């Protein structure tokens, strides 16, 4: 049985970022989505590339994974958790929620 999905809200993430918490933002959207909207400082690995590129991530660091609405990123969180990434969480609502709640300058699509 899979462990329950760990999530962070957009407001919690904003607070962590403003406190310069040591975390990695991982954007798993496709390049064409990244061209429309992004969160500054995020690392980009499209979801389909994660299985062959997850070694680029440090399992000791807090990783916040996001996509458009939080569905794909939830799958990536589970994938990483199964590979002993203990500090990985999903951004609830994805970049869309980030735009609506935290930073309206990020375009919605």
N, C-alpha and C. Protein backbone atom coordinates (compact mmCIF):
# COMPACT_ATOMS: atom_id res chain seq x y z
N UNK A 1 0.84 -1.20 0.00
CA UNK A 1 0.00 0.00 0.00
C UNK A 1 0.88 1.26 0.00
N UNK A 2 0.55 2.20 -0.84
CA UNK A 2 1.33 3.43 -0.94
C UNK A 2 1.08 4.33 0.27
N UNK A 3 2.12 5.03 0.67
CA UNK A 3 1.98 5.98 1.77
C UNK A 3 1.10 7.15 1.31
N UNK A 4 0.43 7.81 2.26
CA UNK A 4 -0.39 8.97 1.86
C UNK A 4 0.49 10.06 1.23
N UNK A 5 -0.07 10.73 0.26
CA UNK A 5 0.65 11.78 -0.45
C UNK A 5 0.91 12.96 0.48
N UNK A 6 2.17 13.38 0.52
CA UNK A 6 2.52 14.57 1.30
C UNK A 6 2.37 15.77 0.39
N UNK A 7 1.66 16.79 0.88
CA UNK A 7 1.43 18.00 0.08
C UNK A 7 1.79 19.24 0.87
N UNK A 8 2.05 20.31 0.14
CA UNK A 8 2.28 21.63 0.71
C UNK A 8 1.36 22.59 -0.04
N UNK A 9 0.76 23.52 0.68
CA UNK A 9 -0.11 24.50 0.04
C UNK A 9 0.72 25.60 -0.59
N UNK A 10 0.15 26.33 -1.55
CA UNK A 10 0.88 27.45 -2.14
C UNK A 10 1.33 28.47 -1.08
N UNK A 11 0.49 28.75 -0.09
CA UNK A 11 0.86 29.72 0.95
C UNK A 11 2.01 29.19 1.80
N UNK A 12 1.96 27.91 2.14
CA UNK A 12 3.07 27.32 2.91
C UNK A 12 4.37 27.38 2.11
N UNK A 13 4.29 27.10 0.81
CA UNK A 13 5.47 27.17 -0.03
C UNK A 13 6.01 28.60 -0.08
N UNK A 14 5.14 29.56 -0.24
CA UNK A 14 5.57 30.97 -0.27
C UNK A 14 6.32 31.32 1.02
N UNK A 15 5.78 30.87 2.15
CA UNK A 15 6.43 31.15 3.44
C UNK A 15 7.80 30.50 3.52
N UNK A 16 7.89 29.26 3.04
CA UNK A 16 9.18 28.56 3.05
C UNK A 16 10.19 29.27 2.15
N UNK A 17 9.74 29.72 0.98
CA UNK A 17 10.64 30.40 0.04
C UNK A 17 11.08 31.76 0.58
N UNK A 18 10.18 32.48 1.23
CA UNK A 18 10.55 33.80 1.76
C UNK A 18 11.51 33.65 2.93
N UNK A 19 11.46 32.53 3.62
CA UNK A 19 12.41 32.26 4.69
C UNK A 19 13.69 31.64 4.17
N UNK A 20 13.79 31.54 2.85
CA UNK A 20 14.92 30.91 2.16
C UNK A 20 15.21 29.52 2.72
N UNK A 21 14.14 28.79 2.89
CA UNK A 21 14.30 27.40 3.28
C UNK A 21 15.09 26.67 2.22
N UNK A 22 15.84 25.68 2.64
CA UNK A 22 16.67 24.91 1.71
C UNK A 22 15.79 23.90 1.01
N UNK A 23 15.23 24.30 -0.12
CA UNK A 23 14.38 23.37 -0.85
C UNK A 23 14.60 23.51 -2.35
N UNK A 24 14.21 22.46 -3.04
CA UNK A 24 14.30 22.42 -4.49
C UNK A 24 12.88 22.42 -5.04
N UNK A 25 12.60 23.33 -5.96
CA UNK A 25 11.33 23.33 -6.68
C UNK A 25 11.56 22.53 -7.96
N UNK A 26 10.74 21.49 -8.16
CA UNK A 26 10.89 20.65 -9.34
C UNK A 26 9.63 20.76 -10.19
N UNK A 27 9.78 21.36 -11.35
CA UNK A 27 8.69 21.55 -12.32
C UNK A 27 8.71 20.36 -13.28
N UNK A 28 7.63 19.57 -13.28
CA UNK A 28 7.59 18.37 -14.13
C UNK A 28 6.69 18.55 -15.35
N UNK A 29 6.35 19.81 -15.67
CA UNK A 29 5.51 20.08 -16.84
C UNK A 29 6.33 19.97 -18.12
N UNK A 30 5.64 20.00 -19.24
CA UNK A 30 6.28 19.92 -20.55
C UNK A 30 6.89 21.28 -20.93
N UNK A 31 7.91 21.28 -21.82
CA UNK A 31 8.56 22.54 -22.20
C UNK A 31 7.59 23.61 -22.70
N UNK A 32 6.55 23.21 -23.45
CA UNK A 32 5.62 24.22 -23.95
C UNK A 32 4.82 24.86 -22.81
N UNK A 33 4.59 24.13 -21.73
CA UNK A 33 3.91 24.71 -20.56
C UNK A 33 4.85 25.67 -19.83
N UNK A 34 6.10 25.27 -19.73
CA UNK A 34 7.11 26.10 -19.08
C UNK A 34 7.24 27.44 -19.81
N UNK A 35 7.08 27.44 -21.13
CA UNK A 35 7.19 28.67 -21.91
C UNK A 35 6.06 29.65 -21.58
N UNK A 36 4.93 29.13 -21.08
CA UNK A 36 3.77 29.97 -20.75
C UNK A 36 3.88 30.55 -19.35
N UNK A 37 4.27 29.72 -18.39
CA UNK A 37 4.28 30.14 -16.99
C UNK A 37 5.34 29.35 -16.23
N UNK A 38 5.99 30.01 -15.28
CA UNK A 38 6.99 29.32 -14.47
C UNK A 38 7.10 29.96 -13.10
N UNK A 39 7.74 29.25 -12.20
CA UNK A 39 8.07 29.79 -10.88
C UNK A 39 9.58 29.96 -10.87
N UNK A 40 10.02 31.18 -10.59
CA UNK A 40 11.43 31.51 -10.65
C UNK A 40 12.26 30.58 -9.77
N UNK A 41 13.35 30.09 -10.33
CA UNK A 41 14.29 29.26 -9.58
C UNK A 41 13.99 27.78 -9.62
N UNK A 42 12.91 27.39 -10.29
CA UNK A 42 12.54 25.97 -10.33
C UNK A 42 13.45 25.20 -11.29
N UNK A 43 13.73 23.97 -10.93
CA UNK A 43 14.45 23.04 -11.79
C UNK A 43 13.41 22.37 -12.68
N UNK A 44 13.73 22.15 -13.95
CA UNK A 44 12.75 21.57 -14.87
C UNK A 44 13.20 20.19 -15.33
N UNK A 45 12.39 19.19 -15.01
CA UNK A 45 12.56 17.83 -15.57
C UNK A 45 11.15 17.37 -15.94
N UNK A 46 10.83 17.31 -17.24
CA UNK A 46 9.49 16.84 -17.63
C UNK A 46 9.19 15.47 -17.00
N UNK A 47 7.93 15.26 -16.65
CA UNK A 47 7.52 14.03 -15.98
C UNK A 47 8.07 12.78 -16.67
N UNK A 48 7.98 12.72 -17.99
CA UNK A 48 8.44 11.55 -18.72
C UNK A 48 9.94 11.30 -18.63
N UNK A 49 10.69 12.33 -18.26
CA UNK A 49 12.14 12.20 -18.13
C UNK A 49 12.59 11.83 -16.72
N UNK A 50 11.70 11.95 -15.74
CA UNK A 50 12.07 11.73 -14.35
C UNK A 50 12.67 10.33 -14.12
N UNK A 51 12.10 9.25 -14.68
CA UNK A 51 12.68 7.93 -14.41
C UNK A 51 14.16 7.79 -14.79
N UNK A 52 14.59 8.50 -15.81
CA UNK A 52 16.00 8.39 -16.19
C UNK A 52 16.85 9.54 -15.65
N UNK A 53 16.22 10.57 -15.06
CA UNK A 53 16.99 11.72 -14.59
C UNK A 53 16.89 11.96 -13.08
N UNK A 54 16.15 11.10 -12.35
CA UNK A 54 15.96 11.39 -10.92
C UNK A 54 17.26 11.40 -10.14
N UNK A 55 18.32 10.77 -10.69
CA UNK A 55 19.62 10.78 -10.03
C UNK A 55 20.21 12.20 -9.95
N UNK A 56 19.65 13.14 -10.71
CA UNK A 56 20.11 14.53 -10.67
C UNK A 56 19.61 15.24 -9.41
N UNK A 57 18.68 14.61 -8.71
CA UNK A 57 18.09 15.20 -7.50
C UNK A 57 18.80 14.66 -6.26
N UNK A 58 18.89 15.50 -5.24
CA UNK A 58 19.53 15.12 -3.98
C UNK A 58 18.45 14.63 -3.01
N UNK A 59 18.45 13.33 -2.67
CA UNK A 59 17.40 12.81 -1.79
C UNK A 59 17.46 13.37 -0.37
N UNK A 60 18.53 14.06 -0.03
CA UNK A 60 18.65 14.65 1.31
C UNK A 60 17.95 16.00 1.40
N UNK A 61 17.67 16.62 0.27
CA UNK A 61 17.04 17.96 0.28
C UNK A 61 15.53 17.86 0.20
N UNK A 62 14.86 18.87 0.73
CA UNK A 62 13.41 18.99 0.59
C UNK A 62 13.12 19.31 -0.87
N UNK A 63 12.23 18.53 -1.50
CA UNK A 63 11.87 18.74 -2.90
C UNK A 63 10.37 18.97 -2.98
N UNK A 64 9.98 20.08 -3.59
CA UNK A 64 8.57 20.39 -3.83
C UNK A 64 8.34 20.22 -5.33
N UNK A 65 7.49 19.25 -5.68
CA UNK A 65 7.22 18.93 -7.08
C UNK A 65 5.92 19.60 -7.49
N UNK A 66 5.90 20.18 -8.70
CA UNK A 66 4.66 20.78 -9.18
C UNK A 66 4.48 20.58 -10.67
N UNK A 67 3.22 20.65 -11.07
CA UNK A 67 2.84 20.60 -12.48
C UNK A 67 1.74 21.65 -12.66
N UNK A 68 0.82 21.43 -13.57
CA UNK A 68 -0.23 22.41 -13.83
C UNK A 68 -1.25 22.44 -12.68
N UNK A 69 -1.84 21.28 -12.36
CA UNK A 69 -2.87 21.22 -11.32
C UNK A 69 -2.52 20.29 -10.16
N UNK A 70 -1.40 19.60 -10.23
CA UNK A 70 -0.99 18.74 -9.11
C UNK A 70 -1.20 17.25 -9.32
N UNK A 71 -1.70 16.85 -10.48
CA UNK A 71 -1.95 15.43 -10.75
C UNK A 71 -0.66 14.72 -11.15
N UNK A 72 0.01 15.25 -12.18
CA UNK A 72 1.27 14.63 -12.63
C UNK A 72 2.33 14.69 -11.54
N UNK A 73 2.39 15.83 -10.87
CA UNK A 73 3.41 15.96 -9.82
C UNK A 73 3.16 14.98 -8.68
N UNK A 74 1.90 14.67 -8.39
CA UNK A 74 1.60 13.68 -7.35
C UNK A 74 2.18 12.32 -7.74
N UNK A 75 2.10 11.97 -9.02
CA UNK A 75 2.69 10.71 -9.49
C UNK A 75 4.21 10.72 -9.34
N UNK A 76 4.82 11.86 -9.62
CA UNK A 76 6.28 11.97 -9.49
C UNK A 76 6.68 11.87 -8.02
N UNK A 77 5.91 12.49 -7.13
CA UNK A 77 6.19 12.40 -5.69
C UNK A 77 6.18 10.93 -5.26
N UNK A 78 5.17 10.18 -5.70
CA UNK A 78 5.09 8.76 -5.35
C UNK A 78 6.26 7.98 -5.94
N UNK A 79 6.62 8.28 -7.17
CA UNK A 79 7.76 7.62 -7.82
C UNK A 79 9.04 7.86 -7.00
N UNK A 80 9.29 9.11 -6.63
CA UNK A 80 10.50 9.44 -5.87
C UNK A 80 10.46 8.83 -4.47
N UNK A 81 9.30 8.85 -3.84
CA UNK A 81 9.18 8.27 -2.50
C UNK A 81 9.51 6.78 -2.51
N UNK A 82 9.16 6.11 -3.59
CA UNK A 82 9.47 4.68 -3.72
C UNK A 82 10.97 4.43 -3.93
N UNK A 83 11.70 5.50 -4.20
CA UNK A 83 13.15 5.41 -4.40
C UNK A 83 13.90 6.11 -3.27
N UNK A 84 13.29 6.07 -2.09
CA UNK A 84 13.90 6.55 -0.83
C UNK A 84 14.12 8.05 -0.75
N UNK A 85 13.33 8.83 -1.49
CA UNK A 85 13.31 10.28 -1.30
C UNK A 85 12.29 10.53 -0.19
N UNK A 86 12.76 10.85 1.00
CA UNK A 86 11.86 10.99 2.14
C UNK A 86 11.33 12.40 2.32
N UNK A 87 11.94 13.37 1.67
CA UNK A 87 11.57 14.77 1.88
C UNK A 87 10.97 15.38 0.62
N UNK A 88 10.12 14.63 -0.05
CA UNK A 88 9.51 15.08 -1.30
C UNK A 88 8.01 15.30 -1.07
N UNK A 89 7.51 16.47 -1.52
CA UNK A 89 6.10 16.82 -1.35
C UNK A 89 5.54 17.39 -2.65
N UNK A 90 4.23 17.32 -2.77
CA UNK A 90 3.50 17.82 -3.93
C UNK A 90 2.96 19.22 -3.64
N UNK A 91 3.05 20.12 -4.61
CA UNK A 91 2.41 21.44 -4.47
C UNK A 91 0.93 21.27 -4.78
N UNK A 92 0.10 21.38 -3.75
CA UNK A 92 -1.35 21.20 -3.91
C UNK A 92 -1.89 22.22 -4.91
N UNK A 93 -2.56 21.74 -5.94
CA UNK A 93 -3.16 22.62 -6.94
C UNK A 93 -2.21 23.08 -8.02
N UNK A 94 -0.93 22.72 -7.92
CA UNK A 94 0.05 23.04 -8.95
C UNK A 94 0.29 24.52 -9.16
N UNK A 95 0.87 24.82 -10.32
CA UNK A 95 1.21 26.21 -10.64
C UNK A 95 -0.06 27.05 -10.82
N UNK A 96 -1.17 26.40 -11.16
CA UNK A 96 -2.43 27.14 -11.28
C UNK A 96 -2.84 27.71 -9.93
N UNK A 97 -2.75 26.92 -8.88
CA UNK A 97 -3.08 27.40 -7.53
C UNK A 97 -2.07 28.46 -7.08
N UNK A 98 -0.79 28.27 -7.43
CA UNK A 98 0.24 29.26 -7.10
C UNK A 98 -0.14 30.61 -7.71
N UNK A 99 -0.57 30.60 -8.97
CA UNK A 99 -0.96 31.83 -9.65
C UNK A 99 -2.20 32.47 -9.01
N UNK A 100 -3.20 31.64 -8.70
CA UNK A 100 -4.44 32.16 -8.13
C UNK A 100 -4.25 32.69 -6.71
N UNK A 101 -3.44 32.02 -5.89
CA UNK A 101 -3.37 32.31 -4.46
C UNK A 101 -2.17 33.18 -4.09
N UNK A 102 -1.03 32.96 -4.73
CA UNK A 102 0.21 33.59 -4.29
C UNK A 102 0.72 34.67 -5.25
N UNK A 103 0.83 34.33 -6.53
CA UNK A 103 1.49 35.23 -7.47
C UNK A 103 0.69 35.38 -8.77
N UNK A 104 -0.24 36.35 -8.78
CA UNK A 104 -1.08 36.54 -9.97
C UNK A 104 -0.31 37.00 -11.21
N UNK A 105 0.98 37.35 -11.05
CA UNK A 105 1.77 37.70 -12.24
C UNK A 105 2.13 36.46 -13.06
N UNK A 106 1.99 35.27 -12.47
CA UNK A 106 2.25 34.03 -13.20
C UNK A 106 1.00 33.75 -14.06
N UNK A 107 1.15 33.70 -15.38
CA UNK A 107 -0.01 33.49 -16.24
C UNK A 107 -0.72 32.16 -15.97
N UNK A 108 -2.02 32.18 -16.09
CA UNK A 108 -2.81 30.95 -15.99
C UNK A 108 -3.12 30.46 -17.39
N UNK A 109 -3.21 29.16 -17.55
CA UNK A 109 -3.51 28.58 -18.86
C UNK A 109 -4.38 27.35 -18.69
